[in-house]
């Protein structure tokens, strides 16, 4: 596997303006205060994906770890970098870190119409565990609940946890 042109780092407060720019592309974006509060939340684990030079933030992941399980709250990339491996790199890194911290299951929910994200999670052995009808608004959509059992995971789970540094 060839190296990627990106690197993953722990999110810091300095990353929040770039995270907000990416988040504004979402149909239901969090506001700056919500993002800042999540950064300091108990059990929170946030990652950013940066260009190799560290000059450009191209994606982020926000999650929480609790009681041997985890929940991915947000994963997003700059539109110009969709389907180029950024989300996959963030997800692989998170899965490895979560496994190293004793997590056995990772949960998430996403819009039913978000087929690229569903394909990403399917490739990582996430399974559909539920559906919430009309959960999302603007635009209206169902939520698909998915769970990864680390014991069923192949991608990202057998790797040595990557060194995630600050930047």
Foldseek 3Di string as FASTA:
>chain_A
DDDDQKDKAWDDPVCLVVAQVQQVVDLDRDDSVVVVVLSPDPQKTKMWIAGNVRPHTFWMWIKGDDDLAIETEDTTGDPVCPPVCRSVVRVLLVLQVSVVVRRFKYKYKDFPPPVVVVVSVVVQVWDFDDKAAQPDVSPTTIITMTMDGLVPGDRSNPDHNDDHHHD
